[in-house]
């Protein structure tokens, strides 16, 4: 299976109040699935958190998000009897020059998008306020 097709099958749209973002299915234990997402997608929410899967069948409430240490990542769980593909997470760190694929629902989009590129820089730790901060700083410097 090609990477883009796998990304489409393992990426979900997360709806949180008036905004939305993306998450990736990374684990299944019985009928419990775990999503990996950015903390800002699920951090401050008034109302329900729901997801939509690639097949359009699943719109389930999500559990309470848990932040992963001091990173800008979060995990959230949901339950489903439907079997979905789960992305594997490599134990090997990324390397500068490696090809990469970014996929999801950017900036609240309702349509799945994909972009290809290469790893240009590896930081020793997560940026404060996540990548939104980095983009803002980069735009200010241009």
N, C-alpha and C. Protein backbone atom coordinates (compact mmCIF):
# COMPACT_ATOMS: atom_id res chain seq x y z
N UNK A 1 0.84 -1.18 0.00
CA UNK A 1 0.00 0.00 0.00
C UNK A 1 0.89 1.24 0.00
N UNK A 2 0.54 2.23 -0.83
CA UNK A 2 1.36 3.43 -0.87
C UNK A 2 1.07 4.31 0.35
N UNK A 3 2.03 5.16 0.69
CA UNK A 3 1.98 5.98 1.89
C UNK A 3 0.78 6.93 1.87
N UNK A 4 0.49 7.53 0.73
CA UNK A 4 -0.62 8.48 0.66
C UNK A 4 -1.96 7.79 0.95
N UNK A 5 -2.16 6.60 0.42
CA UNK A 5 -3.39 5.85 0.67
C UNK A 5 -3.48 5.45 2.15
N UNK A 6 -2.37 5.02 2.73
CA UNK A 6 -2.35 4.67 4.15
C UNK A 6 -2.66 5.91 5.00
N UNK A 7 -2.10 7.05 4.64
CA UNK A 7 -2.37 8.29 5.38
C UNK A 7 -3.86 8.63 5.32
N UNK A 8 -4.46 8.46 4.17
CA UNK A 8 -5.89 8.76 4.02
C UNK A 8 -6.72 7.85 4.94
N UNK A 9 -6.35 6.58 5.03
CA UNK A 9 -7.12 5.62 5.82
C UNK A 9 -6.92 5.77 7.32
N UNK A 10 -5.80 6.35 7.73
CA UNK A 10 -5.49 6.46 9.16
C UNK A 10 -5.65 7.87 9.71
N UNK A 11 -6.03 8.83 8.87
CA UNK A 11 -6.23 10.22 9.30
C UNK A 11 -7.71 10.46 9.55
N UNK A 12 -8.01 11.10 10.66
CA UNK A 12 -9.39 11.45 10.98
C UNK A 12 -9.51 12.96 11.13
N UNK A 13 -10.72 13.46 10.88
CA UNK A 13 -11.00 14.88 11.12
C UNK A 13 -11.58 15.00 12.52
N UNK A 14 -10.99 15.85 13.32
CA UNK A 14 -11.45 16.07 14.69
C UNK A 14 -12.22 17.39 14.72
N UNK A 15 -13.46 17.33 15.16
CA UNK A 15 -14.29 18.52 15.28
C UNK A 15 -14.37 18.88 16.76
N UNK A 16 -14.00 20.10 17.10
CA UNK A 16 -14.00 20.55 18.49
C UNK A 16 -14.70 21.90 18.57
N UNK A 17 -15.96 21.88 18.93
CA UNK A 17 -16.69 23.14 19.01
C UNK A 17 -16.78 23.79 17.65
N UNK A 18 -16.20 24.98 17.51
CA UNK A 18 -16.27 25.72 16.25
C UNK A 18 -15.06 25.51 15.35
N UNK A 19 -14.10 24.71 15.77
CA UNK A 19 -12.91 24.48 14.94
C UNK A 19 -12.72 22.99 14.69
N UNK A 20 -11.77 22.69 13.84
CA UNK A 20 -11.46 21.29 13.57
C UNK A 20 -9.99 21.14 13.24
N UNK A 21 -9.53 19.92 13.26
CA UNK A 21 -8.14 19.61 12.96
C UNK A 21 -8.03 18.15 12.56
N UNK A 22 -6.84 17.60 12.66
CA UNK A 22 -6.59 16.23 12.23
C UNK A 22 -5.96 15.41 13.34
N UNK A 23 -6.13 14.11 13.21
CA UNK A 23 -5.47 13.18 14.10
C UNK A 23 -5.15 11.92 13.32
N UNK A 24 -4.28 11.09 13.86
CA UNK A 24 -3.89 9.85 13.21
C UNK A 24 -4.17 8.67 14.14
N UNK A 25 -4.80 7.65 13.60
CA UNK A 25 -5.05 6.43 14.37
C UNK A 25 -3.72 5.71 14.56
N UNK A 26 -3.30 5.54 15.83
CA UNK A 26 -1.98 4.95 16.09
C UNK A 26 -2.04 3.67 16.91
N UNK A 27 -3.22 3.34 17.47
CA UNK A 27 -3.29 2.11 18.26
C UNK A 27 -4.74 1.63 18.34
N UNK A 28 -4.87 0.31 18.36
CA UNK A 28 -6.17 -0.32 18.58
C UNK A 28 -5.98 -1.41 19.62
N UNK A 29 -6.80 -1.36 20.66
CA UNK A 29 -6.83 -2.41 21.67
C UNK A 29 -8.29 -2.80 21.85
N UNK A 30 -8.66 -3.93 21.26
CA UNK A 30 -10.06 -4.33 21.27
C UNK A 30 -10.87 -3.33 20.46
N UNK A 31 -11.84 -2.70 21.08
CA UNK A 31 -12.66 -1.69 20.40
C UNK A 31 -12.24 -0.26 20.76
N UNK A 32 -11.11 -0.13 21.43
CA UNK A 32 -10.61 1.19 21.81
C UNK A 32 -9.48 1.61 20.87
N UNK A 33 -9.67 2.76 20.23
CA UNK A 33 -8.67 3.34 19.34
C UNK A 33 -8.02 4.53 20.01
N UNK A 34 -6.74 4.74 19.70
CA UNK A 34 -6.01 5.90 20.19
C UNK A 34 -5.61 6.76 19.01
N UNK A 35 -5.88 8.07 19.12
CA UNK A 35 -5.49 9.06 18.12
C UNK A 35 -4.32 9.86 18.63
N UNK A 36 -3.41 10.21 17.74
CA UNK A 36 -2.33 11.14 18.03
C UNK A 36 -2.65 12.42 17.29
N UNK A 37 -2.60 13.55 17.97
CA UNK A 37 -2.89 14.84 17.36
C UNK A 37 -2.03 15.91 18.00
N UNK A 38 -2.16 17.13 17.54
CA UNK A 38 -1.49 18.26 18.17
C UNK A 38 -2.32 18.74 19.35
N UNK A 39 -1.64 19.17 20.39
CA UNK A 39 -2.31 19.60 21.61
C UNK A 39 -3.30 20.74 21.34
N UNK A 40 -2.93 21.68 20.46
CA UNK A 40 -3.82 22.83 20.23
C UNK A 40 -5.14 22.42 19.58
N UNK A 41 -5.19 21.26 18.94
CA UNK A 41 -6.43 20.80 18.30
C UNK A 41 -7.48 20.44 19.35
N UNK A 42 -7.05 19.90 20.48
CA UNK A 42 -7.99 19.38 21.48
C UNK A 42 -7.88 20.04 22.85
N UNK A 43 -6.97 20.99 23.02
CA UNK A 43 -6.66 21.52 24.35
C UNK A 43 -7.81 22.29 24.99
N UNK A 44 -8.28 23.32 24.37
CA UNK A 44 -9.31 24.17 24.97
C UNK A 44 -10.57 24.03 24.14
N UNK A 45 -11.52 23.31 24.68
CA UNK A 45 -12.74 23.02 23.92
C UNK A 45 -13.95 23.25 24.81
N UNK A 46 -14.91 23.94 24.27
CA UNK A 46 -16.22 24.05 24.91
C UNK A 46 -17.18 23.22 24.07
N UNK A 47 -17.74 22.20 24.66
CA UNK A 47 -18.63 21.33 23.91
C UNK A 47 -17.96 20.00 23.59
N UNK A 48 -18.57 19.26 22.69
CA UNK A 48 -18.11 17.92 22.36
C UNK A 48 -16.94 17.92 21.40
N UNK A 49 -16.15 16.87 21.51
CA UNK A 49 -15.11 16.56 20.53
C UNK A 49 -15.60 15.35 19.77
N UNK A 50 -15.69 15.43 18.46
CA UNK A 50 -16.11 14.29 17.66
C UNK A 50 -15.11 14.08 16.53
N UNK A 51 -15.16 12.90 15.92
CA UNK A 51 -14.28 12.61 14.80
C UNK A 51 -15.07 12.06 13.63
N UNK A 52 -14.49 12.23 12.46
CA UNK A 52 -15.03 11.61 11.24
C UNK A 52 -13.89 10.84 10.59
N UNK A 53 -14.14 9.58 10.28
CA UNK A 53 -13.13 8.73 9.65
C UNK A 53 -13.24 8.82 8.13
N UNK A 54 -12.29 8.24 7.44
CA UNK A 54 -12.21 8.29 5.97
C UNK A 54 -13.47 7.72 5.31
N UNK A 55 -14.07 6.70 5.91
CA UNK A 55 -15.25 6.09 5.30
C UNK A 55 -16.53 6.89 5.55
N UNK A 56 -16.44 7.94 6.36
CA UNK A 56 -17.59 8.77 6.64
C UNK A 56 -18.61 8.14 7.57
N UNK A 57 -18.33 6.93 8.05
CA UNK A 57 -19.30 6.22 8.89
C UNK A 57 -19.22 6.60 10.36
N UNK A 58 -18.06 6.99 10.81
CA UNK A 58 -17.86 7.17 12.24
C UNK A 58 -17.85 8.64 12.63
N UNK A 59 -18.75 9.01 13.46
CA UNK A 59 -18.73 10.32 14.08
C UNK A 59 -19.01 10.06 15.55
N UNK A 60 -17.96 9.85 16.27
CA UNK A 60 -18.06 9.44 17.66
C UNK A 60 -17.52 10.52 18.58
N UNK A 61 -18.04 10.58 19.79
CA UNK A 61 -17.42 11.48 20.78
C UNK A 61 -16.05 10.94 21.17
N UNK A 62 -15.15 11.85 21.43
CA UNK A 62 -13.81 11.48 21.88
C UNK A 62 -13.74 11.59 23.39
N UNK A 63 -12.78 10.85 23.96
CA UNK A 63 -12.53 10.95 25.38
C UNK A 63 -11.78 12.23 25.72
N UNK A 64 -11.35 12.33 26.94
CA UNK A 64 -10.59 13.50 27.41
C UNK A 64 -9.16 13.38 26.89
N UNK A 65 -8.64 14.44 26.26
CA UNK A 65 -7.27 14.37 25.72
C UNK A 65 -6.23 14.37 26.84
N UNK A 66 -5.11 13.69 26.55
CA UNK A 66 -3.97 13.69 27.47
C UNK A 66 -2.76 14.23 26.73
N UNK A 67 -2.13 15.22 27.31
CA UNK A 67 -0.93 15.80 26.71
C UNK A 67 0.24 14.86 26.94
N UNK A 68 1.11 14.73 25.93
CA UNK A 68 2.28 13.87 26.05
C UNK A 68 3.46 14.68 26.58
N UNK A 69 3.72 14.53 27.87
CA UNK A 69 4.82 15.21 28.55
C UNK A 69 4.83 16.70 28.24
N UNK A 70 5.98 17.25 27.87
CA UNK A 70 6.07 18.68 27.58
C UNK A 70 6.09 18.94 26.07
N UNK A 71 5.56 18.01 25.29
CA UNK A 71 5.49 18.18 23.84
C UNK A 71 4.20 18.90 23.47
N UNK A 72 4.04 19.16 22.21
CA UNK A 72 2.81 19.77 21.70
C UNK A 72 1.89 18.69 21.12
N UNK A 73 2.02 17.47 21.64
CA UNK A 73 1.22 16.34 21.17
C UNK A 73 0.21 15.92 22.22
N UNK A 74 -0.88 15.31 21.75
CA UNK A 74 -1.89 14.78 22.64
C UNK A 74 -2.39 13.46 22.10
N UNK A 75 -2.88 12.61 22.99
CA UNK A 75 -3.57 11.39 22.59
C UNK A 75 -5.00 11.46 23.11
N UNK A 76 -5.90 10.91 22.32
CA UNK A 76 -7.32 10.88 22.66
C UNK A 76 -7.85 9.52 22.24
N UNK A 77 -8.74 8.97 23.03
CA UNK A 77 -9.31 7.65 22.71
C UNK A 77 -10.78 7.74 22.34
N UNK A 78 -11.22 6.74 21.56
CA UNK A 78 -12.63 6.56 21.25
C UNK A 78 -12.88 5.08 21.07
N UNK A 79 -14.14 4.69 21.08
CA UNK A 79 -14.50 3.28 20.93
C UNK A 79 -15.27 3.08 19.64
N UNK A 80 -15.00 1.95 18.97
CA UNK A 80 -15.74 1.58 17.76
C UNK A 80 -15.60 0.09 17.52
N UNK A 81 -16.71 -0.53 17.09
CA UNK A 81 -16.69 -1.94 16.71
C UNK A 81 -16.17 -2.11 15.29
N UNK A 82 -16.11 -1.02 14.53
CA UNK A 82 -15.60 -1.06 13.15
C UNK A 82 -14.09 -1.15 13.20
N UNK A 83 -13.52 -1.98 12.33
CA UNK A 83 -12.06 -2.14 12.30
C UNK A 83 -11.45 -1.14 11.32
N UNK A 84 -10.58 -0.29 11.84
CA UNK A 84 -9.88 0.71 11.02
C UNK A 84 -8.39 0.41 10.99
N UNK A 85 -7.74 0.83 9.91
CA UNK A 85 -6.29 0.70 9.82
C UNK A 85 -5.65 1.63 10.85
N UNK A 86 -4.50 1.22 11.32
CA UNK A 86 -3.75 1.99 12.31
C UNK A 86 -2.36 2.24 11.75
N UNK A 87 -1.89 3.47 11.84
CA UNK A 87 -0.54 3.81 11.37
C UNK A 87 0.49 3.29 12.37
N UNK A 88 1.60 2.83 11.86
CA UNK A 88 2.68 2.42 12.76
C UNK A 88 3.61 3.60 13.00
N UNK A 89 4.19 3.62 14.17
CA UNK A 89 5.12 4.69 14.53
C UNK A 89 6.51 4.08 14.58
N UNK A 90 7.40 4.65 13.82
CA UNK A 90 8.77 4.13 13.75
C UNK A 90 9.53 4.47 15.03
N UNK A 91 10.36 3.53 15.47
CA UNK A 91 11.23 3.78 16.61
C UNK A 91 12.45 4.59 16.19
N UNK A 92 12.70 4.65 14.88
CA UNK A 92 13.85 5.39 14.36
C UNK A 92 13.50 6.87 14.23
N UNK A 93 14.39 7.74 14.68
CA UNK A 93 14.13 9.18 14.51
C UNK A 93 14.23 9.58 13.04
N UNK A 94 13.53 10.64 12.70
CA UNK A 94 13.62 11.17 11.34
C UNK A 94 15.02 11.72 11.10
N UNK A 95 15.40 11.82 9.85
CA UNK A 95 16.72 12.34 9.49
C UNK A 95 16.55 13.44 8.44
N UNK A 96 17.41 14.43 8.51
CA UNK A 96 17.41 15.50 7.52
C UNK A 96 17.58 14.89 6.13
N UNK A 97 16.75 15.33 5.19
CA UNK A 97 16.81 14.83 3.82
C UNK A 97 15.80 13.74 3.52
N UNK A 98 15.22 13.13 4.55
CA UNK A 98 14.21 12.09 4.32
C UNK A 98 12.95 12.67 3.69
N UNK A 99 12.32 11.92 2.80
CA UNK A 99 11.04 12.39 2.26
C UNK A 99 9.97 12.35 3.35
N UNK A 100 9.00 13.26 3.27
CA UNK A 100 7.90 13.24 4.23
C UNK A 100 6.60 13.57 3.52
N UNK A 101 5.53 13.19 4.17
CA UNK A 101 4.20 13.45 3.65
C UNK A 101 3.38 14.03 4.80
N UNK A 102 2.79 15.19 4.59
CA UNK A 102 1.90 15.81 5.58
C UNK A 102 0.49 15.67 5.03
N UNK A 103 -0.40 15.12 5.84
CA UNK A 103 -1.77 14.89 5.37
C UNK A 103 -2.75 15.22 6.49
N UNK A 104 -3.90 15.71 6.11
CA UNK A 104 -4.92 15.99 7.11
C UNK A 104 -5.90 17.03 6.64
N UNK A 105 -6.49 17.71 7.62
CA UNK A 105 -7.51 18.72 7.38
C UNK A 105 -6.99 20.04 7.91
N UNK A 106 -6.19 20.76 7.11
CA UNK A 106 -5.52 21.97 7.61
C UNK A 106 -6.48 23.12 7.86
N UNK A 107 -6.19 23.89 8.90
CA UNK A 107 -6.90 25.13 9.22
C UNK A 107 -8.41 24.96 9.18
N UNK A 108 -8.90 23.86 9.72
CA UNK A 108 -10.34 23.66 9.79
C UNK A 108 -10.99 23.23 8.49
N UNK A 109 -10.22 22.84 7.52
CA UNK A 109 -10.77 22.44 6.22
C UNK A 109 -11.64 21.19 6.35
N UNK A 110 -12.65 21.09 5.54
CA UNK A 110 -13.52 19.92 5.50
C UNK A 110 -13.00 18.88 4.51
N UNK A 111 -12.01 19.25 3.71
CA UNK A 111 -11.47 18.39 2.66
C UNK A 111 -10.06 17.96 3.04
N UNK A 112 -9.79 16.67 2.84
CA UNK A 112 -8.47 16.10 3.13
C UNK A 112 -7.45 16.67 2.17
N UNK A 113 -6.28 17.05 2.67
CA UNK A 113 -5.21 17.61 1.83
C UNK A 113 -3.92 16.86 2.12
N UNK A 114 -3.03 16.86 1.13
CA UNK A 114 -1.74 16.19 1.28
C UNK A 114 -0.65 17.06 0.65
N UNK A 115 0.52 17.07 1.27
CA UNK A 115 1.68 17.78 0.74
C UNK A 115 2.90 16.90 0.94
N UNK A 116 3.79 16.92 -0.02
CA UNK A 116 5.03 16.14 0.07
C UNK A 116 6.21 17.09 0.21
N UNK A 117 7.24 16.63 0.85
CA UNK A 117 8.44 17.44 1.02
C UNK A 117 9.57 16.61 1.57
N UNK A 118 10.53 17.29 2.17
CA UNK A 118 11.69 16.63 2.76
C UNK A 118 11.96 17.25 4.13
N UNK A 119 12.50 16.46 5.04
CA UNK A 119 12.88 16.97 6.35
C UNK A 119 14.05 17.92 6.16
N UNK A 120 13.88 19.16 6.60
CA UNK A 120 14.94 20.16 6.45
C UNK A 120 15.65 20.48 7.76
N UNK A 121 14.95 20.29 8.88
CA UNK A 121 15.49 20.70 10.17
C UNK A 121 14.90 19.83 11.26
N UNK A 122 15.71 19.42 12.20
CA UNK A 122 15.25 18.68 13.37
C UNK A 122 15.57 19.50 14.61
N UNK A 123 14.55 19.77 15.41
CA UNK A 123 14.74 20.54 16.62
C UNK A 123 14.94 19.61 17.81
N UNK A 124 15.70 20.05 18.83
CA UNK A 124 15.93 19.18 19.98
C UNK A 124 14.69 18.98 20.84
N UNK A 125 13.71 19.91 20.76
CA UNK A 125 12.47 19.74 21.52
C UNK A 125 11.34 20.49 20.82
N UNK A 126 10.12 20.21 21.26
CA UNK A 126 8.93 20.84 20.70
C UNK A 126 8.98 22.35 20.86
N UNK A 127 8.48 23.08 19.88
CA UNK A 127 8.41 24.53 19.96
C UNK A 127 7.33 24.97 20.94
N UNK A 128 7.54 26.11 21.61
CA UNK A 128 6.46 26.61 22.48
C UNK A 128 5.22 26.89 21.63
N UNK A 129 4.07 26.50 22.09
CA UNK A 129 2.80 26.69 21.40
C UNK A 129 2.73 25.94 20.07
N UNK A 130 3.60 24.98 19.85
CA UNK A 130 3.53 24.14 18.66
C UNK A 130 3.93 24.84 17.38
N UNK A 131 3.61 24.19 16.25
CA UNK A 131 4.05 24.71 14.97
C UNK A 131 3.37 26.01 14.58
N UNK A 132 2.20 26.32 15.12
CA UNK A 132 1.53 27.59 14.80
C UNK A 132 2.43 28.76 15.18
N UNK A 133 3.11 28.64 16.30
CA UNK A 133 4.05 29.67 16.74
C UNK A 133 5.19 29.79 15.75
N UNK A 134 5.72 28.67 15.29
CA UNK A 134 6.84 28.69 14.34
C UNK A 134 6.43 29.35 13.02
N UNK A 135 5.24 29.05 12.55
CA UNK A 135 4.77 29.65 11.30
C UNK A 135 4.60 31.15 11.48
N UNK A 136 4.04 31.57 12.61
CA UNK A 136 3.86 32.98 12.87
C UNK A 136 5.21 33.70 12.91
N UNK A 137 6.19 33.10 13.57
CA UNK A 137 7.52 33.72 13.65
C UNK A 137 8.16 33.79 12.28
N UNK A 138 7.99 32.76 11.48
CA UNK A 138 8.58 32.75 10.15
C UNK A 138 7.94 33.82 9.26
N UNK A 139 6.63 33.99 9.36
CA UNK A 139 5.94 35.01 8.58
C UNK A 139 6.39 36.42 9.00
N UNK A 140 6.62 36.63 10.27
CA UNK A 140 7.06 37.94 10.76
C UNK A 140 8.45 38.28 10.24
N UNK A 141 9.28 37.24 10.03
CA UNK A 141 10.67 37.49 9.62
C UNK A 141 10.81 37.67 8.11
N UNK A 142 9.77 37.36 7.34
CA UNK A 142 9.84 37.48 5.89
C UNK A 142 9.60 38.90 5.45
